[in-house]
Amino acid sequence: SGVGYTEKDWGSSFPSAWIWGQTNQWMNATSASLFFSFASVPWYFGLELPGFLIVFEYNHQFYRFNTYLLSIIHDFS
């Protein structure tokens, strides 16, 4: 078990759809944290692209996964 935080909003100053969450409370882990964000990112000519950013830190080592570094999520179900 642990403590986390997540948020969702459909506001006009944000992308049309987005969600993010973060936590740094893990059972039996002294140095770990996770941040994630998924969104419909506004693009040119009114198009929107699915985008994401995930950062995982474990024992002071950072692992980054995101759309602009061409990371791919094959299945998120």
C-alpha atoms as a PDB file:
ATOM      1  CA  SER A   1       0.000   0.000   0.000  1.00  0.00           C
ATOM      2  CA  GLY A   2       1.057   3.628  -0.402  1.00  0.00           C
ATOM      3  CA  VAL A   3      -0.055   7.179  -0.888  1.00  0.00           C
ATOM      4  CA  GLY A   4      -0.574   8.755  -4.302  1.00  0.00           C
ATOM      5  CA  TYR A   5      -2.297  11.671  -5.968  1.00  0.00           C
ATOM      6  CA  THR A   6      -4.115  11.918  -9.272  1.00  0.00           C
ATOM      7  CA  GLU A   7      -6.049  14.710 -10.920  1.00  0.00           C
ATOM      8  CA  LYS A   8      -8.363  15.107 -13.897  1.00  0.00           C
ATOM      9  CA  ASP A   9      -9.790  18.255 -15.495  1.00  0.00           C
ATOM     10  CA  TRP A  10     -11.608  19.203 -18.685  1.00  0.00           C
ATOM     11  CA  GLY A  11     -10.756  22.923 -18.405  1.00  0.00           C
ATOM     12  CA  SER A  12     -10.509  25.284 -21.366  1.00  0.00           C
ATOM     13  CA  SER A  13      -6.874  26.276 -20.727  1.00  0.00           C
ATOM     14  CA  PHE A  14      -5.720  22.652 -20.704  1.00  0.00           C
ATOM     15  CA  PRO A  15      -5.632  20.065 -23.496  1.00  0.00           C
ATOM     16  CA  SER A  16      -9.100  18.720 -24.301  1.00  0.00           C
ATOM     17  CA  ALA A  17      -8.334  15.585 -22.259  1.00  0.00           C
ATOM     18  CA  TRP A  18      -5.579  14.951 -19.744  1.00  0.00           C
ATOM     19  CA  ILE A  19      -4.757  13.168 -16.506  1.00  0.00           C
ATOM     20  CA  TRP A  20      -1.696  13.136 -14.299  1.00  0.00           C
ATOM     21  CA  GLY A  21      -0.620  11.497 -11.086  1.00  0.00           C
ATOM     22  CA  GLN A  22       2.357  11.166  -8.809  1.00  0.00           C
ATOM     23  CA  THR A  23       3.497   9.227  -5.770  1.00  0.00           C
ATOM     24  CA  ASN A  24       6.583   8.766  -3.643  1.00  0.00           C
ATOM     25  CA  GLN A  25       5.126   6.432  -1.033  1.00  0.00           C
ATOM     26  CA  TRP A  26       6.022   2.795  -1.677  1.00  0.00           C
ATOM     27  CA  MET A  27       5.962  -0.170   0.670  1.00  0.00           C
ATOM     28  CA  ASN A  28       9.526  -1.353   1.449  1.00  0.00           C
ATOM     29  CA  ALA A  29      11.170   1.228  -0.842  1.00  0.00           C
ATOM     30  CA  THR A  30      13.341   3.975   0.574  1.00  0.00           C
ATOM     31  CA  SER A  31      13.971   5.959  -2.610  1.00  0.00           C
ATOM     32  CA  ALA A  32      11.336   5.664  -5.308  1.00  0.00           C
ATOM     33  CA  SER A  33       8.875   8.013  -6.966  1.00  0.00           C
ATOM     34  CA  LEU A  34       6.638   7.980 -10.021  1.00  0.00           C
ATOM     35  CA  PHE A  35       5.088  10.773 -12.081  1.00  0.00           C
ATOM     36  CA  PHE A  36       2.873  10.296 -15.140  1.00  0.00           C
ATOM     37  CA  SER A  37       0.817  12.452 -17.452  1.00  0.00           C
ATOM     38  CA  PHE A  38      -1.296  11.523 -20.481  1.00  0.00           C
ATOM     39  CA  ALA A  39      -2.977  14.129 -22.696  1.00  0.00           C
ATOM     40  CA  SER A  40      -4.462  14.971 -26.070  1.00  0.00           C
ATOM     41  CA  VAL A  41      -1.809  17.479 -27.115  1.00  0.00           C
ATOM     42  CA  PRO A  42      -2.902  20.349 -29.399  1.00  0.00           C
ATOM     43  CA  TRP A  43      -0.998  20.325 -32.692  1.00  0.00           C
ATOM     44  CA  TYR A  44      -1.090  22.245 -35.955  1.00  0.00           C
ATOM     45  CA  PHE A  45      -4.325  22.906 -37.891  1.00  0.00           C
ATOM     46  CA  GLY A  46      -6.545  21.959 -34.939  1.00  0.00           C
ATOM     47  CA  LEU A  47      -5.213  18.401 -34.760  1.00  0.00           C
ATOM     48  CA  GLU A  48      -4.578  16.666 -31.448  1.00  0.00           C
ATOM     49  CA  LEU A  49      -2.028  13.937 -30.780  1.00  0.00           C
ATOM     50  CA  PRO A  50      -1.955  11.506 -27.859  1.00  0.00           C
ATOM     51  CA  GLY A  51       1.057  12.340 -25.707  1.00  0.00           C
ATOM     52  CA  PHE A  52       2.532  11.123 -22.458  1.00  0.00           C
ATOM     53  CA  LEU A  53       5.323  11.725 -19.975  1.00  0.00           C
ATOM     54  CA  ILE A  54       6.411   9.186 -17.367  1.00  0.00           C
ATOM     55  CA  VAL A  55       9.293   9.655 -14.931  1.00  0.00           C
ATOM     56  CA  PHE A  56      10.280   6.871 -12.528  1.00  0.00           C
ATOM     57  CA  GLU A  57      13.020   7.392  -9.944  1.00  0.00           C
ATOM     58  CA  TYR A  58      14.507   4.476  -8.050  1.00  0.00           C
ATOM     59  CA  ASN A  59      17.610   4.649  -5.852  1.00  0.00           C
ATOM     60  CA  HIS A  60      18.490   8.077  -7.287  1.00  0.00           C
ATOM     61  CA  GLN A  61      18.377   6.835 -10.897  1.00  0.00           C
ATOM     62  CA  PHE A  62      15.829   8.492 -13.215  1.00  0.00           C
ATOM     63  CA  TYR A  63      14.024   6.666 -16.022  1.00  0.00           C
ATOM     64  CA  ARG A  64      12.155   8.886 -18.516  1.00  0.00           C
ATOM     65  CA  PHE A  65       9.583   7.789 -21.068  1.00  0.00           C
ATOM     66  CA  ASN A  66       7.748  10.306 -23.243  1.00  0.00           C
ATOM     67  CA  THR A  67       6.289  11.047 -26.625  1.00  0.00           C
ATOM     68  CA  TYR A  68       8.996  13.473 -27.733  1.00  0.00           C
ATOM     69  CA  LEU A  69      11.723  10.857 -27.132  1.00  0.00           C
ATOM     70  CA  LEU A  70       9.651   8.491 -29.312  1.00  0.00           C
ATOM     71  CA  SER A  71       8.660   6.121 -26.504  1.00  0.00           C
ATOM     72  CA  ILE A  72       5.655   3.962 -27.373  1.00  0.00           C
ATOM     73  CA  ILE A  73       2.890   2.462 -25.240  1.00  0.00           C
ATOM     74  CA  HIS A  74       1.706  -0.692 -26.997  1.00  0.00           C
ATOM     75  CA  ASP A  75      -1.242  -1.498 -24.725  1.00  0.00           C
ATOM     76  CA  PHE A  76      -2.618   0.461 -21.801  1.00  0.00           C
ATOM     77  CA  SER A  77      -5.640  -1.526 -20.719  1.00  0.00           C
END
